[in-house]
PDB file of N, CA and C in Angstrom:
ATOM      1  N   UNK A   1       0.808  -1.183   0.000  1.00  0.00           N
ATOM      2  CA  UNK A   1       0.000   0.000   0.000  1.00  0.00           C
ATOM      3  C   UNK A   1       0.852   1.248   0.000  1.00  0.00           C
ATOM      4  N   UNK A   2       0.268   2.308   0.462  1.00  0.00           N
ATOM      5  CA  UNK A   2       0.938   3.604   0.509  1.00  0.00           C
ATOM      6  C   UNK A   2       1.324   3.990   1.935  1.00  0.00           C
ATOM      7  N   UNK A   3       1.688   3.009   2.743  1.00  0.00           N
ATOM      8  CA  UNK A   3       1.996   3.269   4.146  1.00  0.00           C
ATOM      9  C   UNK A   3       3.182   4.213   4.313  1.00  0.00           C
ATOM     10  N   UNK A   4       4.227   4.044   3.497  1.00  0.00           N
ATOM     11  CA  UNK A   4       5.392   4.918   3.607  1.00  0.00           C
ATOM     12  C   UNK A   4       5.009   6.353   3.259  1.00  0.00           C
ATOM     13  N   UNK A   5       4.224   6.505   2.225  1.00  0.00           N
ATOM     14  CA  UNK A   5       3.737   7.827   1.834  1.00  0.00           C
ATOM     15  C   UNK A   5       2.920   8.452   2.971  1.00  0.00           C
ATOM     16  N   UNK A   6       2.071   7.656   3.604  1.00  0.00           N
ATOM     17  CA  UNK A   6       1.258   8.142   4.724  1.00  0.00           C
ATOM     18  C   UNK A   6       2.144   8.572   5.888  1.00  0.00           C
ATOM     19  N   UNK A   7       3.174   7.778   6.199  1.00  0.00           N
ATOM     20  CA  UNK A   7       4.084   8.109   7.298  1.00  0.00           C
ATOM     21  C   UNK A   7       4.800   9.430   7.023  1.00  0.00           C
ATOM     22  N   UNK A   8       5.217   9.634   5.790  1.00  0.00           N
ATOM     23  CA  UNK A   8       5.894  10.881   5.422  1.00  0.00           C
ATOM     24  C   UNK A   8       4.937  12.066   5.567  1.00  0.00           C
ATOM     25  N   UNK A   9       3.702  11.893   5.128  1.00  0.00           N
ATOM     26  CA  UNK A   9       2.712  12.974   5.254  1.00  0.00           C
ATOM     27  C   UNK A   9       2.464  13.316   6.720  1.00  0.00           C
ATOM     28  N   UNK A  10       2.350  12.289   7.558  1.00  0.00           N
ATOM     29  CA  UNK A  10       2.134  12.526   8.992  1.00  0.00           C
ATOM     30  C   UNK A  10       3.335  13.249   9.589  1.00  0.00           C
ATOM     31  N   UNK A  11       4.549  12.821   9.221  1.00  0.00           N
ATOM     32  CA  UNK A  11       5.762  13.462   9.733  1.00  0.00           C
ATOM     33  C   UNK A  11       5.805  14.932   9.335  1.00  0.00           C
ATOM     34  N   UNK A  12       5.376  15.231   8.132  1.00  0.00           N
ATOM     35  CA  UNK A  12       5.372  16.619   7.663  1.00  0.00           C
ATOM     36  C   UNK A  12       4.398  17.503   8.439  1.00  0.00           C
ATOM     37  N   UNK A  13       3.528  16.889   9.236  1.00  0.00           N
ATOM     38  CA  UNK A  13       2.599  17.650  10.076  1.00  0.00           C
ATOM     39  C   UNK A  13       3.238  18.073  11.396  1.00  0.00           C
ATOM     40  N   UNK A  14       4.448  17.560  11.687  1.00  0.00           N
ATOM     41  CA  UNK A  14       5.127  18.017  12.888  1.00  0.00           C
ATOM     42  C   UNK A  14       5.881  17.012  13.729  1.00  0.00           C
ATOM     43  N   UNK A  15       5.443  15.742  13.825  1.00  0.00           N
ATOM     44  CA  UNK A  15       6.197  14.826  14.690  1.00  0.00           C
ATOM     45  C   UNK A  15       7.618  14.587  14.175  1.00  0.00           C
ATOM     46  N   UNK A  16       8.527  14.335  15.108  1.00  0.00           N
ATOM     47  CA  UNK A  16       9.924  14.074  14.747  1.00  0.00           C
ATOM     48  C   UNK A  16      10.062  12.738  14.025  1.00  0.00           C
ATOM     49  N   UNK A  17       9.358  11.723  14.503  1.00  0.00           N
ATOM     50  CA  UNK A  17       9.405  10.379  13.920  1.00  0.00           C
ATOM     51  C   UNK A  17       8.001   9.798  13.850  1.00  0.00           C
ATOM     52  N   UNK A  18       7.774   8.975  12.840  1.00  0.00           N
ATOM     53  CA  UNK A  18       6.501   8.274  12.684  1.00  0.00           C
ATOM     54  C   UNK A  18       6.797   6.804  12.436  1.00  0.00           C
ATOM     55  N   UNK A  19       6.130   5.936  13.186  1.00  0.00           N
ATOM     56  CA  UNK A  19       6.244   4.489  12.995  1.00  0.00           C
ATOM     57  C   UNK A  19       4.844   3.953  12.765  1.00  0.00           C
ATOM     58  N   UNK A  20       4.689   3.199  11.693  1.00  0.00           N
ATOM     59  CA  UNK A  20       3.428   2.516  11.425  1.00  0.00           C
ATOM     60  C   UNK A  20       3.732   1.029  11.423  1.00  0.00           C
ATOM     61  N   UNK A  21       3.080   0.292  12.323  1.00  0.00           N
ATOM     62  CA  UNK A  21       3.286  -1.158  12.348  1.00  0.00           C
ATOM     63  C   UNK A  21       2.340  -1.807  11.349  1.00  0.00           C
ATOM     64  N   UNK A  22       2.858  -2.826  10.678  1.00  0.00           N
ATOM     65  CA  UNK A  22       2.107  -3.513   9.628  1.00  0.00           C
ATOM     66  C   UNK A  22       1.937  -4.995   9.919  1.00  0.00           C
ATOM     67  N   UNK A  23       1.986  -5.368  11.200  1.00  0.00           N
ATOM     68  CA  UNK A  23       1.830  -6.775  11.563  1.00  0.00           C
ATOM     69  C   UNK A  23       2.914  -7.634  10.942  1.00  0.00           C
ATOM     70  N   UNK A  24       2.512  -8.722  10.311  1.00  0.00           N
ATOM     71  CA  UNK A  24       3.489  -9.664   9.747  1.00  0.00           C
ATOM     72  C   UNK A  24       4.269  -9.083   8.570  1.00  0.00           C
ATOM     73  N   UNK A  25       3.891  -7.886   8.118  1.00  0.00           N
ATOM     74  CA  UNK A  25       4.606  -7.228   7.018  1.00  0.00           C
ATOM     75  C   UNK A  25       5.770  -6.367   7.511  1.00  0.00           C
ATOM     76  N   UNK A  26       5.828  -6.074   8.816  1.00  0.00           N
ATOM     77  CA  UNK A  26       6.922  -5.276   9.354  1.00  0.00           C
ATOM     78  C   UNK A  26       6.473  -3.903   9.803  1.00  0.00           C
ATOM     79  N   UNK A  27       7.326  -2.901   9.560  1.00  0.00           N
ATOM     80  CA  UNK A  27       7.009  -1.535   9.971  1.00  0.00           C
ATOM     81  C   UNK A  27       7.442  -0.544   8.896  1.00  0.00           C
ATOM     82  N   UNK A  28       6.841   0.634   8.966  1.00  0.00           N
ATOM     83  CA  UNK A  28       7.225   1.770   8.134  1.00  0.00           C
ATOM     84  C   UNK A  28       7.733   2.844   9.084  1.00  0.00           C
ATOM     85  N   UNK A  29       8.836   3.488   8.723  1.00  0.00           N
ATOM     86  CA  UNK A  29       9.416   4.541   9.554  1.00  0.00           C
ATOM     87  C   UNK A  29       9.638   5.789   8.716  1.00  0.00           C
ATOM     88  N   UNK A  30       9.297   6.930   9.291  1.00  0.00           N
ATOM     89  CA  UNK A  30       9.621   8.218   8.684  1.00  0.00           C
ATOM     90  C   UNK A  30      10.224   9.097   9.764  1.00  0.00           C
ATOM     91  N   UNK A  31      11.451   9.540   9.527  1.00  0.00           N
ATOM     92  CA  UNK A  31      12.174  10.410  10.447  1.00  0.00           C
ATOM     93  C   UNK A  31      13.203  11.164   9.634  1.00  0.00           C
ATOM     94  N   UNK A  32      14.474  11.128  10.069  1.00  0.00           N
ATOM     95  CA  UNK A  32      15.541  11.696   9.239  1.00  0.00           C
ATOM     96  C   UNK A  32      15.653  10.908   7.945  1.00  0.00           C
ATOM     97  N   UNK A  33      15.342   9.633   8.034  1.00  0.00           N
ATOM     98  CA  UNK A  33      15.281   8.737   6.874  1.00  0.00           C
ATOM     99  C   UNK A  33      13.865   8.186   6.796  1.00  0.00           C
ATOM    100  N   UNK A  34      13.521   7.645   5.643  1.00  0.00           N
ATOM    101  CA  UNK A  34      12.226   6.993   5.445  1.00  0.00           C
ATOM    102  C   UNK A  34      12.496   5.587   4.932  1.00  0.00           C
ATOM    103  N   UNK A  35      11.913   4.579   5.596  1.00  0.00           N
ATOM    104  CA  UNK A  35      12.169   3.216   5.150  1.00  0.00           C
ATOM    105  C   UNK A  35      11.113   2.252   5.667  1.00  0.00           C
ATOM    106  N   UNK A  36      11.150   1.058   5.094  1.00  0.00           N
ATOM    107  CA  UNK A  36      10.300  -0.056   5.515  1.00  0.00           C
ATOM    108  C   UNK A  36      11.226  -1.145   6.029  1.00  0.00           C
ATOM    109  N   UNK A  37      10.916  -1.715   7.185  1.00  0.00           N
ATOM    110  CA  UNK A  37      11.656  -2.863   7.712  1.00  0.00           C
ATOM    111  C   UNK A  37      10.717  -4.058   7.729  1.00  0.00           C
ATOM    112  N   UNK A  38      11.116  -5.160   7.111  1.00  0.00           N
ATOM    113  CA  UNK A  38      10.251  -6.343   7.116  1.00  0.00           C
ATOM    114  C   UNK A  38      10.221  -6.997   8.494  1.00  0.00           C
ATOM    115  N   UNK A  39       9.154  -7.708   8.760  1.00  0.00           N
ATOM    116  CA  UNK A  39       9.050  -8.478  10.004  1.00  0.00           C
ATOM    117  C   UNK A  39       9.965  -9.693   9.928  1.00  0.00           C
ATOM    118  N   UNK A  40      10.342 -10.214  11.080  1.00  0.00           N
ATOM    119  CA  UNK A  40      11.095 -11.466  11.129  1.00  0.00           C
ATOM    120  C   UNK A  40      10.181 -12.593  10.674  1.00  0.00           C
ATOM    121  N   UNK A  41      10.726 -13.520   9.922  1.00  0.00           N
ATOM    122  CA  UNK A  41       9.938 -14.659   9.441  1.00  0.00           C
ATOM    123  C   UNK A  41       9.874 -15.717  10.535  1.00  0.00           C
ATOM    124  N   UNK A  42       8.684 -15.936  11.066  1.00  0.00           N
ATOM    125  CA  UNK A  42       8.466 -16.944  12.108  1.00  0.00           C
ATOM    126  C   UNK A  42       7.168 -17.686  11.814  1.00  0.00           C
ATOM    127  N   UNK A  43       7.011 -18.838  12.426  1.00  0.00           N
ATOM    128  CA  UNK A  43       5.753 -19.583  12.346  1.00  0.00           C
ATOM    129  C   UNK A  43       4.888 -19.162  13.531  1.00  0.00           C
ATOM    130  N   UNK A  44       4.180 -18.067  13.352  1.00  0.00           N
ATOM    131  CA  UNK A  44       3.400 -17.471  14.438  1.00  0.00           C
ATOM    132  C   UNK A  44       2.300 -18.407  14.922  1.00  0.00           C
ATOM    133  N   UNK A  45       2.136 -18.451  16.244  1.00  0.00           N
ATOM    134  CA  UNK A  45       1.086 -19.232  16.887  1.00  0.00           C
ATOM    135  C   UNK A  45      -0.055 -18.304  17.311  1.00  0.00           C
ATOM    136  N   UNK A  46       0.302 -17.152  17.895  1.00  0.00           N
ATOM    137  CA  UNK A  46      -0.707 -16.230  18.425  1.00  0.00           C
ATOM    138  C   UNK A  46      -0.140 -14.805  18.423  1.00  0.00           C
ATOM    139  N   UNK A  47      -0.737 -13.890  17.661  1.00  0.00           N
ATOM    140  CA  UNK A  47      -0.214 -12.524  17.605  1.00  0.00           C
ATOM    141  C   UNK A  47      -0.655 -11.622  18.758  1.00  0.00           C
ATOM    142  N   UNK A  48      -1.502 -12.124  19.659  1.00  0.00           N
ATOM    143  CA  UNK A  48      -2.005 -11.295  20.759  1.00  0.00           C
ATOM    144  C   UNK A  48      -0.835 -10.772  21.590  1.00  0.00           C
ATOM    145  N   UNK A  49      -0.791  -9.479  21.782  1.00  0.00           N
ATOM    146  CA  UNK A  49       0.247  -8.853  22.596  1.00  0.00           C
ATOM    147  C   UNK A  49       1.502  -8.474  21.838  1.00  0.00           C
ATOM    148  N   UNK A  50       1.601  -8.851  20.571  1.00  0.00           N
ATOM    149  CA  UNK A  50       2.842  -8.573  19.842  1.00  0.00           C
ATOM    150  C   UNK A  50       3.068  -7.072  19.644  1.00  0.00           C
ATOM    151  N   UNK A  51       2.001  -6.304  19.497  1.00  0.00           N
ATOM    152  CA  UNK A  51       2.147  -4.850  19.393  1.00  0.00           C
ATOM    153  C   UNK A  51       2.642  -4.244  20.693  1.00  0.00           C
ATOM    154  N   UNK A  52       2.121  -4.738  21.811  1.00  0.00           N
ATOM    155  CA  UNK A  52       2.592  -4.280  23.121  1.00  0.00           C
ATOM    156  C   UNK A  52       4.060  -4.638  23.312  1.00  0.00           C
ATOM    157  N   UNK A  53       4.431  -5.834  22.887  1.00  0.00           N
ATOM    158  CA  UNK A  53       5.820  -6.270  22.992  1.00  0.00           C
ATOM    159  C   UNK A  53       6.718  -5.370  22.136  1.00  0.00           C
ATOM    160  N   UNK A  54       6.265  -5.054  20.922  1.00  0.00           N
ATOM    161  CA  UNK A  54       7.013  -4.152  20.039  1.00  0.00           C
ATOM    162  C   UNK A  54       7.249  -2.816  20.742  1.00  0.00           C
ATOM    163  N   UNK A  55       6.181  -2.237  21.288  1.00  0.00           N
ATOM    164  CA  UNK A  55       6.296  -0.926  21.938  1.00  0.00           C
ATOM    165  C   UNK A  55       7.217  -0.960  23.148  1.00  0.00           C
ATOM    166  N   UNK A  56       7.119  -2.011  23.952  1.00  0.00           N
ATOM    167  CA  UNK A  56       7.982  -2.134  25.123  1.00  0.00           C
ATOM    168  C   UNK A  56       9.443  -2.288  24.751  1.00  0.00           C
ATOM    169  N   UNK A  57       9.710  -3.116  23.748  1.00  0.00           N
ATOM    170  CA  UNK A  57      11.090  -3.323  23.299  1.00  0.00           C
ATOM    171  C   UNK A  57      11.650  -2.041  22.687  1.00  0.00           C
ATOM    172  N   UNK A  58      10.840  -1.348  21.903  1.00  0.00           N
ATOM    173  CA  UNK A  58      11.277  -0.086  21.304  1.00  0.00           C
ATOM    174  C   UNK A  58      11.570   0.948  22.391  1.00  0.00           C
ATOM    175  N   UNK A  59      10.687   1.062  23.371  1.00  0.00           N
ATOM    176  CA  UNK A  59      10.896   2.012  24.469  1.00  0.00           C
ATOM    177  C   UNK A  59      12.179   1.698  25.233  1.00  0.00           C
ATOM    178  N   UNK A  60      12.462   0.412  25.428  1.00  0.00           N
ATOM    179  CA  UNK A  60      13.688   0.002  26.119  1.00  0.00           C
ATOM    180  C   UNK A  60      14.916   0.502  25.380  1.00  0.00           C
ATOM    181  N   UNK A  61      14.950   0.294  24.071  1.00  0.00           N
ATOM    182  CA  UNK A  61      16.113   0.700  23.276  1.00  0.00           C
ATOM    183  C   UNK A  61      16.225   2.222  23.176  1.00  0.00           C
ATOM    184  N   UNK A  62      15.100   2.900  23.064  1.00  0.00           N
ATOM    185  CA  UNK A  62      15.143   4.368  23.030  1.00  0.00           C
ATOM    186  C   UNK A  62      15.686   4.894  24.357  1.00  0.00           C
ATOM    187  N   UNK A  63      15.240   4.308  25.466  1.00  0.00           N
ATOM    188  CA  UNK A  63      15.734   4.694  26.789  1.00  0.00           C
ATOM    189  C   UNK A  63      17.246   4.487  26.891  1.00  0.00           C
ATOM    190  N   UNK A  64      17.751   3.437  26.226  1.00  0.00           N
ATOM    191  CA  UNK A  64      19.182   3.137  26.235  1.00  0.00           C
ATOM    192  C   UNK A  64      19.959   3.981  25.218  1.00  0.00           C
ATOM    193  N   UNK A  65      19.281   4.916  24.562  1.00  0.00           N
ATOM    194  CA  UNK A  65      19.889   5.795  23.555  1.00  0.00           C
ATOM    195  C   UNK A  65      20.471   5.046  22.365  1.00  0.00           C
ATOM    196  N   UNK A  66      19.877   3.921  22.023  1.00  0.00           N
ATOM    197  CA  UNK A  66      20.324   3.156  20.855  1.00  0.00           C
ATOM    198  C   UNK A  66      19.896   3.891  19.581  1.00  0.00           C
ATOM    199  N   UNK A  67      20.644   3.720  18.486  1.00  0.00           N
ATOM    200  CA  UNK A  67      20.235   4.309  17.205  1.00  0.00           C
ATOM    201  C   UNK A  67      18.864   3.768  16.788  1.00  0.00           C
ATOM    202  N   UNK A  68      18.104   4.575  16.066  1.00  0.00           N
ATOM    203  CA  UNK A  68      16.737   4.196  15.712  1.00  0.00           C
ATOM    204  C   UNK A  68      16.687   2.902  14.907  1.00  0.00           C
ATOM    205  N   UNK A  69      17.611   2.697  13.969  1.00  0.00           N
ATOM    206  CA  UNK A  69      17.596   1.452  13.187  1.00  0.00           C
ATOM    207  C   UNK A  69      17.756   0.239  14.094  1.00  0.00           C
ATOM    208  N   UNK A  70      18.696   0.327  15.042  1.00  0.00           N
ATOM    209  CA  UNK A  70      18.919  -0.769  15.993  1.00  0.00           C
ATOM    210  C   UNK A  70      17.689  -0.967  16.879  1.00  0.00           C
ATOM    211  N   UNK A  71      17.097   0.123  17.316  1.00  0.00           N
ATOM    212  CA  UNK A  71      15.915   0.062  18.180  1.00  0.00           C
ATOM    213  C   UNK A  71      14.743  -0.604  17.477  1.00  0.00           C
ATOM    214  N   UNK A  72      14.510  -0.221  16.229  1.00  0.00           N
ATOM    215  CA  UNK A  72      13.404  -0.799  15.465  1.00  0.00           C
ATOM    216  C   UNK A  72      13.645  -2.272  15.167  1.00  0.00           C
ATOM    217  N   UNK A  73      14.877  -2.613  14.806  1.00  0.00           N
ATOM    218  CA  UNK A  73      15.198  -4.021  14.534  1.00  0.00           C
ATOM    219  C   UNK A  73      14.973  -4.872  15.781  1.00  0.00           C
ATOM    220  N   UNK A  74      15.412  -4.381  16.918  1.00  0.00           N
ATOM    221  CA  UNK A  74      15.237  -5.080  18.189  1.00  0.00           C
ATOM    222  C   UNK A  74      13.754  -5.277  18.497  1.00  0.00           C
ATOM    223  N   UNK A  75      12.967  -4.223  18.305  1.00  0.00           N
ATOM    224  CA  UNK A  75      11.532  -4.292  18.584  1.00  0.00           C
ATOM    225  C   UNK A  75      10.831  -5.277  17.654  1.00  0.00           C
ATOM    226  N   UNK A  76      11.229  -5.299  16.398  1.00  0.00           N
ATOM    227  CA  UNK A  76      10.645  -6.249  15.447  1.00  0.00           C
ATOM    228  C   UNK A  76      10.971  -7.682  15.857  1.00  0.00           C
ATOM    229  N   UNK A  77      12.232  -7.925  16.223  1.00  0.00           N
ATOM    230  CA  UNK A  77      12.617  -9.282  16.644  1.00  0.00           C
ATOM    231  C   UNK A  77      11.856  -9.699  17.895  1.00  0.00           C
ATOM    232  N   UNK A  78      11.746  -8.801  18.866  1.00  0.00           N
ATOM    233  CA  UNK A  78      11.029  -9.119  20.105  1.00  0.00           C
ATOM    234  C   UNK A  78       9.564  -9.429  19.825  1.00  0.00           C
ATOM    235  N   UNK A  79       8.911  -8.592  19.033  1.00  0.00           N
ATOM    236  CA  UNK A  79       7.486  -8.810  18.769  1.00  0.00           C
ATOM    237  C   UNK A  79       7.260 -10.074  17.952  1.00  0.00           C
ATOM    238  N   UNK A  80       8.168 -10.380  17.037  1.00  0.00           N
ATOM    239  CA  UNK A  80       8.046 -11.621  16.266  1.00  0.00           C
ATOM    240  C   UNK A  80       8.178 -12.837  17.173  1.00  0.00           C
ATOM    241  N   UNK A  81       9.151 -12.790  18.086  1.00  0.00           N
ATOM    242  CA  UNK A  81       9.333 -13.901  19.027  1.00  0.00           C
ATOM    243  C   UNK A  81       8.115 -14.069  19.931  1.00  0.00           C
ATOM    244  N   UNK A  82       7.443 -12.970  20.242  1.00  0.00           N
ATOM    245  CA  UNK A  82       6.284 -13.056  21.138  1.00  0.00           C
ATOM    246  C   UNK A  82       5.103 -13.783  20.501  1.00  0.00           C
ATOM    247  N   UNK A  83       5.119 -13.966  19.199  1.00  0.00           N
ATOM    248  CA  UNK A  83       4.017 -14.670  18.519  1.00  0.00           C
ATOM    249  C   UNK A  83       4.205 -16.182  18.512  1.00  0.00           C
ATOM    250  N   UNK A  84       5.329 -16.659  19.031  1.00  0.00           N
ATOM    251  CA  UNK A  84       5.637 -18.094  18.979  1.00  0.00           C
ATOM    252  C   UNK A  84       4.919 -18.905  20.049  1.00  0.00           C
ATOM    253  N   UNK A  85       4.325 -18.217  21.039  1.00  0.00           N
ATOM    254  CA  UNK A  85       3.606 -18.904  22.118  1.00  0.00           C
ATOM    255  C   UNK A  85       2.202 -18.333  22.231  1.00  0.00           C
ATOM    256  N   UNK A  86       1.317 -19.110  22.806  1.00  0.00           N
ATOM    257  CA  UNK A  86      -0.063 -18.690  23.051  1.00  0.00           C
ATOM    258  C   UNK A  86      -0.096 -17.644  24.155  1.00  0.00           C
ATOM    259  N   UNK A  87      -0.952 -16.649  24.030  1.00  0.00           N
ATOM    260  CA  UNK A  87      -1.153 -15.678  25.091  1.00  0.00           C
ATOM    261  C   UNK A  87      -0.408 -14.381  24.858  1.00  0.00           C
ATOM    262  N   UNK A  88      -0.579 -13.473  25.812  1.00  0.00           N
ATOM    263  CA  UNK A  88       0.010 -12.142  25.667  1.00  0.00           C
ATOM    264  C   UNK A  88       1.337 -12.041  26.412  1.00  0.00           C
ATOM    265  N   UNK A  89       1.341 -11.436  27.592  1.00  0.00           N
ATOM    266  CA  UNK A  89       2.609 -11.126  28.260  1.00  0.00           C
ATOM    267  C   UNK A  89       3.458 -12.350  28.575  1.00  0.00           C
ATOM    268  N   UNK A  90       2.833 -13.498  28.812  1.00  0.00           N
ATOM    269  CA  UNK A  90       3.630 -14.701  29.102  1.00  0.00           C
ATOM    270  C   UNK A  90       4.419 -15.168  27.875  1.00  0.00           C
ATOM    271  N   UNK A  91       4.089 -14.648  26.701  1.00  0.00           N
ATOM    272  CA  UNK A  91       4.816 -15.028  25.490  1.00  0.00           C
ATOM    273  C   UNK A  91       5.968 -14.078  25.186  1.00  0.00           C
ATOM    274  N   UNK A  92       6.092 -12.980  25.946  1.00  0.00           N
ATOM    275  CA  UNK A  92       7.143 -12.011  25.666  1.00  0.00           C
ATOM    276  C   UNK A  92       8.510 -12.637  25.927  1.00  0.00           C
ATOM    277  N   UNK A  93       9.465 -12.438  25.023  1.00  0.00           N
ATOM    278  CA  UNK A  93      10.792 -13.033  25.203  1.00  0.00           C
ATOM    279  C   UNK A  93      11.605 -12.286  26.263  1.00  0.00           C
ATOM    280  N   UNK A  94      12.547 -12.987  26.867  1.00  0.00           N
ATOM    281  CA  UNK A  94      13.499 -12.363  27.777  1.00  0.00           C
ATOM    282  C   UNK A  94      14.544 -11.626  26.947  1.00  0.00           C
ATOM    283  N   UNK A  95      15.163 -10.605  27.533  1.00  0.00           N
ATOM    284  CA  UNK A  95      16.141  -9.797  26.812  1.00  0.00           C
ATOM    285  C   UNK A  95      17.231 -10.648  26.167  1.00  0.00           C
ATOM    286  N   UNK A  96      17.701 -11.663  26.869  1.00  0.00           N
ATOM    287  CA  UNK A  96      18.779 -12.510  26.349  1.00  0.00           C
ATOM    288  C   UNK A  96      18.365 -13.328  25.136  1.00  0.00           C
ATOM    289  N   UNK A  97      17.059 -13.467  24.899  1.00  0.00           N
ATOM    290  CA  UNK A  97      16.577 -14.282  23.782  1.00  0.00           C
ATOM    291  C   UNK A  97      16.283 -13.476  22.522  1.00  0.00           C
ATOM    292  N   UNK A  98      16.429 -12.173  22.598  1.00  0.00           N
ATOM    293  CA  UNK A  98      16.073 -11.336  21.440  1.00  0.00           C
ATOM    294  C   UNK A  98      17.253 -11.199  20.500  1.00  0.00           C
TER     295      UNK A  98
END
């Protein structure tokens, strides 16, 4: 679709960065750079909570002052891993497993 175009338009309205999650398709980012990152390829069992996992992992990396590309990649890997088990928070991976 036109998700990248939409992210750029939203960014032009004022926010510093825009992230649009696309589920199993990955994410769209608009900031200093504009790009699409694909999701990790996994055999998903249950996607419940994967968006929350993405946000938590992203917030962790931003708090650690990691570069945005590294932060987004980490969040994608964490959220993909969280789909491998049934349920929400109990499926979230430990930091060492990401």
